[in-house]
C-alpha atoms as a PDB file:
ATOM      1  CA  UNK A   1      61.764  37.327 130.134  1.00  0.00           C
ATOM      2  CA  UNK A   2      63.912  37.379 133.092  1.00  0.00           C
ATOM      3  CA  UNK A   3      64.638  39.602 135.451  1.00  0.00           C
ATOM      4  CA  UNK A   4      68.134  40.632 134.227  1.00  0.00           C
ATOM      5  CA  UNK A   5      66.762  40.826 131.177  1.00  0.00           C
ATOM      6  CA  UNK A   6      64.243  43.463 131.885  1.00  0.00           C
ATOM      7  CA  UNK A   7      67.105  45.015 134.213  1.00  0.00           C
ATOM      8  CA  UNK A   8      69.410  45.344 130.948  1.00  0.00           C
ATOM      9  CA  UNK A   9      66.028  47.100 128.571  1.00  0.00           C
ATOM     10  CA  UNK A  10      65.266  49.734 131.358  1.00  0.00           C
ATOM     11  CA  UNK A  11      69.233  50.155 131.609  1.00  0.00           C
ATOM     12  CA  UNK A  12      69.603  50.887 128.227  1.00  0.00           C
ATOM     13  CA  UNK A  13      66.874  53.185 127.624  1.00  0.00           C
ATOM     14  CA  UNK A  14      67.316  55.089 130.761  1.00  0.00           C
ATOM     15  CA  UNK A  15      70.975  55.857 129.447  1.00  0.00           C
ATOM     16  CA  UNK A  16      69.814  56.372 125.590  1.00  0.00           C
ATOM     17  CA  UNK A  17      67.287  58.898 126.990  1.00  0.00           C
ATOM     18  CA  UNK A  18      69.689  61.014 129.277  1.00  0.00           C
ATOM     19  CA  UNK A  19      72.378  60.839 126.605  1.00  0.00           C
ATOM     20  CA  UNK A  20      69.771  63.193 123.629  1.00  0.00           C
ATOM     21  CA  UNK A  21      68.439  65.074 126.933  1.00  0.00           C
ATOM     22  CA  UNK A  22      71.522  66.539 127.332  1.00  0.00           C
ATOM     23  CA  UNK A  23      71.764  66.791 123.699  1.00  0.00           C
ATOM     24  CA  UNK A  24      68.482  68.851 123.224  1.00  0.00           C
ATOM     25  CA  UNK A  25      70.021  70.910 126.132  1.00  0.00           C
ATOM     26  CA  UNK A  26      73.574  71.588 124.011  1.00  0.00           C
ATOM     27  CA  UNK A  27      71.542  72.844 120.909  1.00  0.00           C
ATOM     28  CA  UNK A  28      68.986  74.707 122.966  1.00  0.00           C
ATOM     29  CA  UNK A  29      71.534  76.571 125.244  1.00  0.00           C
ATOM     30  CA  UNK A  30      73.553  77.425 122.102  1.00  0.00           C
ATOM     31  CA  UNK A  31      76.425  75.119 124.104  1.00  0.00           C
ATOM     32  CA  UNK A  32      78.616  72.553 123.025  1.00  0.00           C
ATOM     33  CA  UNK A  33      78.870  69.439 125.149  1.00  0.00           C
ATOM     34  CA  UNK A  34      82.316  69.352 124.375  1.00  0.00           C
ATOM     35  CA  UNK A  35      84.397  72.414 123.778  1.00  0.00           C
ATOM     36  CA  UNK A  36      87.417  72.905 121.815  1.00  0.00           C
ATOM     37  CA  UNK A  37      90.376  73.034 124.051  1.00  0.00           C
ATOM     38  CA  UNK A  38      92.540  76.194 124.895  1.00  0.00           C
ATOM     39  CA  UNK A  39      95.827  77.046 124.800  1.00  0.00           C
ATOM     40  CA  UNK A  40      98.974  79.474 124.478  1.00  0.00           C
ATOM     41  CA  UNK A  41      99.014  77.422 121.078  1.00  0.00           C
ATOM     42  CA  UNK A  42      95.766  78.733 119.500  1.00  0.00           C
ATOM     43  CA  UNK A  43      95.211  82.091 117.473  1.00  0.00           C
ATOM     44  CA  UNK A  44      97.469  84.694 117.333  1.00  0.00           C
ATOM     45  CA  UNK A  45      95.835  87.355 120.367  1.00  0.00           C
ATOM     46  CA  UNK A  46      93.646  90.380 119.264  1.00  0.00           C
ATOM     47  CA  UNK A  47      97.324  92.834 119.886  1.00  0.00           C
ATOM     48  CA  UNK A  48      99.314  90.585 117.422  1.00  0.00           C
ATOM     49  CA  UNK A  49      96.920  89.531 114.460  1.00  0.00           C
ATOM     50  CA  UNK A  50      96.243  93.128 114.037  1.00  0.00           C
ATOM     51  CA  UNK A  51     100.440  93.186 112.464  1.00  0.00           C
ATOM     52  CA  UNK A  52      99.739  90.330 110.686  1.00  0.00           C
ATOM     53  CA  UNK A  53      99.127  91.286 107.025  1.00  0.00           C
ATOM     54  CA  UNK A  54      95.395  90.164 106.263  1.00  0.00           C
ATOM     55  CA  UNK A  55      94.823  87.240 103.663  1.00  0.00           C
ATOM     56  CA  UNK A  56      90.784  87.498 103.064  1.00  0.00           C
ATOM     57  CA  UNK A  57      88.927  90.268 104.372  1.00  0.00           C
ATOM     58  CA  UNK A  58      84.987  88.660 104.159  1.00  0.00           C
ATOM     59  CA  UNK A  59      83.045  90.546 102.181  1.00  0.00           C
ATOM     60  CA  UNK A  60      78.892  91.396 103.943  1.00  0.00           C
ATOM     61  CA  UNK A  61      78.084  87.977 101.088  1.00  0.00           C
ATOM     62  CA  UNK A  62      80.092  86.012 102.782  1.00  0.00           C
ATOM     63  CA  UNK A  63      79.177  86.897 106.355  1.00  0.00           C
ATOM     64  CA  UNK A  64      75.505  87.015 105.524  1.00  0.00           C
ATOM     65  CA  UNK A  65      76.120  83.162 103.780  1.00  0.00           C
ATOM     66  CA  UNK A  66      77.896  82.029 106.397  1.00  0.00           C
ATOM     67  CA  UNK A  67      74.971  83.201 108.585  1.00  0.00           C
ATOM     68  CA  UNK A  68      72.436  81.241 107.034  1.00  0.00           C
ATOM     69  CA  UNK A  69      74.779  78.040 106.719  1.00  0.00           C
ATOM     70  CA  UNK A  70      74.597  77.635 110.087  1.00  0.00           C
ATOM     71  CA  UNK A  71      71.004  78.357 111.214  1.00  0.00           C
ATOM     72  CA  UNK A  72      70.512  75.674 108.311  1.00  0.00           C
ATOM     73  CA  UNK A  73      72.615  73.390 109.622  1.00  0.00           C
ATOM     74  CA  UNK A  74      71.028  74.255 113.236  1.00  0.00           C
ATOM     75  CA  UNK A  75      67.474  74.150 111.643  1.00  0.00           C
ATOM     76  CA  UNK A  76      68.279  70.639 110.459  1.00  0.00           C
ATOM     77  CA  UNK A  77      69.667  69.410 113.314  1.00  0.00           C
ATOM     78  CA  UNK A  78      67.232  70.281 116.194  1.00  0.00           C
ATOM     79  CA  UNK A  79      64.822  68.605 113.224  1.00  0.00           C
ATOM     80  CA  UNK A  80      66.880  65.390 113.647  1.00  0.00           C
ATOM     81  CA  UNK A  81      66.874  65.563 117.365  1.00  0.00           C
ATOM     82  CA  UNK A  82      63.857  66.074 117.438  1.00  0.00           C
ATOM     83  CA  UNK A  83      63.014  62.973 115.382  1.00  0.00           C
ATOM     84  CA  UNK A  84      65.690  60.745 117.517  1.00  0.00           C
ATOM     85  CA  UNK A  85      62.842  62.098 121.076  1.00  0.00           C
ATOM     86  CA  UNK A  86      59.736  60.911 119.063  1.00  0.00           C
ATOM     87  CA  UNK A  87      61.480  57.761 118.109  1.00  0.00           C
ATOM     88  CA  UNK A  88      62.589  57.248 121.920  1.00  0.00           C
ATOM     89  CA  UNK A  89      58.825  58.221 122.917  1.00  0.00           C
ATOM     90  CA  UNK A  90      57.450  55.756 120.494  1.00  0.00           C
ATOM     91  CA  UNK A  91      59.735  52.616 122.189  1.00  0.00           C
ATOM     92  CA  UNK A  92      59.365  53.652 125.436  1.00  0.00           C
ATOM     93  CA  UNK A  93      56.263  53.216 125.213  1.00  0.00           C
ATOM     94  CA  UNK A  94      55.997  50.179 123.464  1.00  0.00           C
ATOM     95  CA  UNK A  95      58.415  48.455 125.984  1.00  0.00           C
ATOM     96  CA  UNK A  96      56.576  49.645 129.305  1.00  0.00           C
ATOM     97  CA  UNK A  97      52.948  48.514 127.032  1.00  0.00           C
ATOM     98  CA  UNK A  98      55.335  45.388 126.284  1.00  0.00           C
ATOM     99  CA  UNK A  99      56.922  44.672 130.149  1.00  0.00           C
ATOM    100  CA  UNK A 100      52.933  45.319 131.408  1.00  0.00           C
ATOM    101  CA  UNK A 101      51.861  42.720 128.838  1.00  0.00           C
ATOM    102  CA  UNK A 102      54.026  40.565 130.222  1.00  0.00           C
ATOM    103  CA  UNK A 103      53.450  41.004 133.751  1.00  0.00           C
ATOM    104  CA  UNK A 104      49.533  40.260 133.566  1.00  0.00           C
ATOM    105  CA  UNK A 105      50.019  36.985 131.160  1.00  0.00           C
ATOM    106  CA  UNK A 106      52.359  34.970 133.923  1.00  0.00           C
ATOM    107  CA  UNK A 107      49.357  35.697 136.529  1.00  0.00           C
ATOM    108  CA  UNK A 108      47.520  34.710 134.653  1.00  0.00           C
ATOM    109  CA  UNK A 109      50.259  31.571 134.209  1.00  0.00           C
ATOM    110  CA  UNK A 110      50.330  31.425 137.606  1.00  0.00           C
ATOM    111  CA  UNK A 111      46.350  31.894 138.826  1.00  0.00           C
ATOM    112  CA  UNK A 112      45.731  28.951 135.828  1.00  0.00           C
ATOM    113  CA  UNK A 113      48.557  26.371 137.300  1.00  0.00           C
ATOM    114  CA  UNK A 114      47.626  27.614 141.112  1.00  0.00           C
ATOM    115  CA  UNK A 115      44.315  26.615 140.126  1.00  0.00           C
ATOM    116  CA  UNK A 116      45.216  23.322 138.585  1.00  0.00           C
ATOM    117  CA  UNK A 117      47.026  22.215 141.014  1.00  0.00           C
ATOM    118  CA  UNK A 118      43.849  23.197 143.959  1.00  0.00           C
ATOM    119  CA  UNK A 119      41.229  20.999 142.050  1.00  0.00           C
ATOM    120  CA  UNK A 120      43.545  18.730 141.489  1.00  0.00           C
ATOM    121  CA  UNK A 121      44.548  17.773 145.428  1.00  0.00           C
ATOM    122  CA  UNK A 122      40.727  18.743 146.075  1.00  0.00           C
ATOM    123  CA  UNK A 123      39.992  15.649 144.110  1.00  0.00           C
ATOM    124  CA  UNK A 124      42.335  13.257 145.205  1.00  0.00           C
ATOM    125  CA  UNK A 125      41.255  13.806 149.039  1.00  0.00           C
ATOM    126  CA  UNK A 126      36.968  13.919 147.950  1.00  0.00           C
ATOM    127  CA  UNK A 127      34.794  12.576 149.522  1.00  0.00           C
ATOM    128  CA  UNK A 128      34.467   9.195 147.565  1.00  0.00           C
ATOM    129  CA  UNK A 129      38.190   9.061 147.855  1.00  0.00           C
ATOM    130  CA  UNK A 130      37.992   8.746 151.913  1.00  0.00           C
ATOM    131  CA  UNK A 131      34.993   6.348 151.274  1.00  0.00           C
ATOM    132  CA  UNK A 132      36.837   3.982 149.437  1.00  0.00           C
ATOM    133  CA  UNK A 133      40.014   4.352 151.843  1.00  0.00           C
ATOM    134  CA  UNK A 134      37.895   3.674 154.714  1.00  0.00           C
ATOM    135  CA  UNK A 135      35.771   0.754 153.148  1.00  0.00           C
ATOM    136  CA  UNK A 136      37.952  -1.424 150.840  1.00  0.00           C
ATOM    137  CA  UNK A 137      40.481  -3.335 150.936  1.00  0.00           C
ATOM    138  CA  UNK A 138      43.089  -3.991 153.298  1.00  0.00           C
ATOM    139  CA  UNK A 139      44.234  -1.194 156.509  1.00  0.00           C
ATOM    140  CA  UNK A 140      47.931  -1.372 154.724  1.00  0.00           C
ATOM    141  CA  UNK A 141      46.662  -0.697 151.533  1.00  0.00           C
ATOM    142  CA  UNK A 142      44.398   2.333 152.179  1.00  0.00           C
ATOM    143  CA  UNK A 143      46.908   4.069 153.682  1.00  0.00           C
ATOM    144  CA  UNK A 144      49.315   4.559 151.080  1.00  0.00           C
ATOM    145  CA  UNK A 145      46.289   4.900 148.055  1.00  0.00           C
ATOM    146  CA  UNK A 146      45.920   8.405 150.824  1.00  0.00           C
ATOM    147  CA  UNK A 147      48.350   9.306 150.260  1.00  0.00           C
ATOM    148  CA  UNK A 148      49.994   8.023 146.916  1.00  0.00           C
ATOM    149  CA  UNK A 149      46.496  10.112 145.804  1.00  0.00           C
ATOM    150  CA  UNK A 150      48.120  13.612 146.677  1.00  0.00           C
ATOM    151  CA  UNK A 151      51.169  12.385 145.526  1.00  0.00           C
ATOM    152  CA  UNK A 152      49.299  11.640 142.004  1.00  0.00           C
ATOM    153  CA  UNK A 153      47.960  14.621 142.336  1.00  0.00           C
ATOM    154  CA  UNK A 154      50.761  17.130 142.352  1.00  0.00           C
ATOM    155  CA  UNK A 155      51.737  15.033 139.270  1.00  0.00           C
ATOM    156  CA  UNK A 156      49.262  16.607 137.280  1.00  0.00           C
ATOM    157  CA  UNK A 157      49.754  20.048 137.821  1.00  0.00           C
ATOM    158  CA  UNK A 158      52.574  20.371 136.428  1.00  0.00           C
ATOM    159  CA  UNK A 159      54.700  21.700 139.479  1.00  0.00           C
ATOM    160  CA  UNK A 160      58.590  20.842 139.062  1.00  0.00           C
ATOM    161  CA  UNK A 161      60.430  18.870 141.472  1.00  0.00           C
ATOM    162  CA  UNK A 162      63.569  19.863 143.123  1.00  0.00           C
ATOM    163  CA  UNK A 163      66.004  17.376 142.544  1.00  0.00           C
ATOM    164  CA  UNK A 164      67.246  17.550 146.288  1.00  0.00           C
ATOM    165  CA  UNK A 165      63.444  16.618 146.729  1.00  0.00           C
ATOM    166  CA  UNK A 166      61.829  12.959 146.950  1.00  0.00           C
ATOM    167  CA  UNK A 167      57.776  12.460 145.874  1.00  0.00           C
ATOM    168  CA  UNK A 168      57.073  12.586 149.886  1.00  0.00           C
ATOM    169  CA  UNK A 169      58.851  15.465 149.758  1.00  0.00           C
ATOM    170  CA  UNK A 170      57.565  17.510 147.264  1.00  0.00           C
ATOM    171  CA  UNK A 171      53.758  16.968 148.494  1.00  0.00           C
ATOM    172  CA  UNK A 172      54.276  17.925 151.345  1.00  0.00           C
ATOM    173  CA  UNK A 173      55.632  21.293 150.354  1.00  0.00           C
ATOM    174  CA  UNK A 174      52.986  21.889 147.538  1.00  0.00           C
ATOM    175  CA  UNK A 175      50.706  21.251 151.111  1.00  0.00           C
ATOM    176  CA  UNK A 176      52.683  23.867 153.417  1.00  0.00           C
ATOM    177  CA  UNK A 177      52.156  26.526 150.010  1.00  0.00           C
ATOM    178  CA  UNK A 178      48.160  26.012 150.474  1.00  0.00           C
ATOM    179  CA  UNK A 179      48.665  26.634 154.359  1.00  0.00           C
ATOM    180  CA  UNK A 180      47.429  23.081 154.740  1.00  0.00           C
ATOM    181  CA  UNK A 181      47.432  22.061 158.658  1.00  0.00           C
ATOM    182  CA  UNK A 182      50.831  20.765 159.144  1.00  0.00           C
ATOM    183  CA  UNK A 183      49.879  18.511 162.017  1.00  0.00           C
ATOM    184  CA  UNK A 184      47.356  16.369 159.096  1.00  0.00           C
ATOM    185  CA  UNK A 185      50.187  16.895 157.004  1.00  0.00           C
ATOM    186  CA  UNK A 186      52.557  15.127 159.138  1.00  0.00           C
ATOM    187  CA  UNK A 187      50.462  12.737 160.425  1.00  0.00           C
ATOM    188  CA  UNK A 188      49.450  11.391 157.007  1.00  0.00           C
ATOM    189  CA  UNK A 189      53.506  11.367 155.586  1.00  0.00           C
ATOM    190  CA  UNK A 190      54.467   9.399 159.173  1.00  0.00           C
ATOM    191  CA  UNK A 191      51.214   7.092 158.858  1.00  0.00           C
ATOM    192  CA  UNK A 192      52.134   6.141 154.678  1.00  0.00           C
ATOM    193  CA  UNK A 193      55.955   5.643 155.435  1.00  0.00           C
ATOM    194  CA  UNK A 194      54.570   2.726 158.639  1.00  0.00           C
ATOM    195  CA  UNK A 195      51.770   1.231 156.045  1.00  0.00           C
ATOM    196  CA  UNK A 196      55.001   1.016 153.147  1.00  0.00           C
ATOM    197  CA  UNK A 197      57.784   0.233 154.434  1.00  0.00           C
ATOM    198  CA  UNK A 198      57.087  -1.393 157.204  1.00  0.00           C
ATOM    199  CA  UNK A 199      56.658  -5.339 158.302  1.00  0.00           C
ATOM    200  CA  UNK A 200      54.471  -5.237 160.829  1.00  0.00           C
ATOM    201  CA  UNK A 201      50.316  -5.254 160.439  1.00  0.00           C
ATOM    202  CA  UNK A 202      48.602  -2.144 160.350  1.00  0.00           C
ATOM    203  CA  UNK A 203      44.942  -1.716 161.728  1.00  0.00           C
ATOM    204  CA  UNK A 204      41.538  -0.614 161.362  1.00  0.00           C
ATOM    205  CA  UNK A 205      42.840   2.492 163.509  1.00  0.00           C
ATOM    206  CA  UNK A 206      45.503   3.694 161.775  1.00  0.00           C
ATOM    207  CA  UNK A 207      43.170   3.606 158.480  1.00  0.00           C
ATOM    208  CA  UNK A 208      41.016   5.448 160.179  1.00  0.00           C
ATOM    209  CA  UNK A 209      43.478   7.762 161.471  1.00  0.00           C
ATOM    210  CA  UNK A 210      44.913   8.522 157.577  1.00  0.00           C
ATOM    211  CA  UNK A 211      41.166   8.785 156.667  1.00  0.00           C
ATOM    212  CA  UNK A 212      41.363  11.802 159.255  1.00  0.00           C
ATOM    213  CA  UNK A 213      43.973  13.588 158.365  1.00  0.00           C
ATOM    214  CA  UNK A 214      43.044  13.372 154.616  1.00  0.00           C
ATOM    215  CA  UNK A 215      39.763  14.873 155.690  1.00  0.00           C
ATOM    216  CA  UNK A 216      41.119  17.832 157.184  1.00  0.00           C
ATOM    217  CA  UNK A 217      43.578  18.676 154.081  1.00  0.00           C
ATOM    218  CA  UNK A 218      40.621  18.385 152.048  1.00  0.00           C
ATOM    219  CA  UNK A 219      38.118  21.265 154.731  1.00  0.00           C
ATOM    220  CA  UNK A 220      42.310  23.143 154.323  1.00  0.00           C
ATOM    221  CA  UNK A 221      41.426  23.151 150.309  1.00  0.00           C
ATOM    222  CA  UNK A 222      38.038  23.882 150.023  1.00  0.00           C
ATOM    223  CA  UNK A 223      38.636  26.403 152.153  1.00  0.00           C
ATOM    224  CA  UNK A 224      40.886  28.104 149.800  1.00  0.00           C
ATOM    225  CA  UNK A 225      39.086  27.136 147.074  1.00  0.00           C
ATOM    226  CA  UNK A 226      35.762  28.897 147.980  1.00  0.00           C
ATOM    227  CA  UNK A 227      37.977  31.806 149.250  1.00  0.00           C
ATOM    228  CA  UNK A 228      38.941  32.263 145.196  1.00  0.00           C
ATOM    229  CA  UNK A 229      35.489  31.515 144.574  1.00  0.00           C
ATOM    230  CA  UNK A 230      34.428  34.820 146.512  1.00  0.00           C
ATOM    231  CA  UNK A 231      37.376  37.444 145.783  1.00  0.00           C
ATOM    232  CA  UNK A 232      36.193  36.108 142.170  1.00  0.00           C
ATOM    233  CA  UNK A 233      32.523  37.407 142.944  1.00  0.00           C
ATOM    234  CA  UNK A 234      34.336  40.600 144.631  1.00  0.00           C
ATOM    235  CA  UNK A 235      36.263  41.629 141.894  1.00  0.00           C
ATOM    236  CA  UNK A 236      33.634  41.042 138.849  1.00  0.00           C
ATOM    237  CA  UNK A 237      31.763  43.707 140.952  1.00  0.00           C
ATOM    238  CA  UNK A 238      27.470  43.157 140.961  1.00  0.00           C
ATOM    239  CA  UNK A 239      25.445  41.140 138.413  1.00  0.00           C
ATOM    240  CA  UNK A 240      21.616  40.360 136.519  1.00  0.00           C
ATOM    241  CA  UNK A 241      19.153  42.650 136.694  1.00  0.00           C
ATOM    242  CA  UNK A 242      19.785  44.302 139.846  1.00  0.00           C
ATOM    243  CA  UNK A 243      23.710  45.097 139.244  1.00  0.00           C
ATOM    244  CA  UNK A 244      23.028  46.120 135.621  1.00  0.00           C
ATOM    245  CA  UNK A 245      20.560  48.382 137.714  1.00  0.00           C
ATOM    246  CA  UNK A 246      22.949  50.291 139.464  1.00  0.00           C
END
């Protein structure tokens, strides 16, 4: 659910709660929320009504019947109000559980996406990829392959790309989210652009520089992966025979 929809639900529930609480307070105190208007046009005062002829002289039976009817009406209203309050509490409980479940599911989805993204980046910077880049093909293609492997990893992770950014900019943004050494990112991206768009030869020294930058990126990514594994182990606590004994 979007944040605006959640806010609307909360406001509606709180408003209904306040209104029902006001009704309950009004019924319990016998004070209506909206009182009848007063003024000079109302029923005649006591001294004026004394001079008027009596049209109906209610007896004790009628007064008792009116009081009994009033009690039944008040009891019915209180019962209906109680049912409304029970329904409101049940609704609030369900809404709170639903929102909590949505929050947990959202966190789980983000964690799964991040794990997939980190795994793809680690594969793109692995020892095997760096070895092939360092020993196979000409230097120009090797340097380009180092950066393209990162772009492919980002693409496989499913992260949405802004319309205003290029694939290289998206890759830099993703690597920045993992606190990768900015100098390594800049070194590799500049080496890629030079190898990709320049006409002069690319040297073996440039190949080595690009592979070294890719290795530094891999080290930072590996550090994050190890931190996640360590955090998950701390969260689950001790396991096995020793853990069970404790």
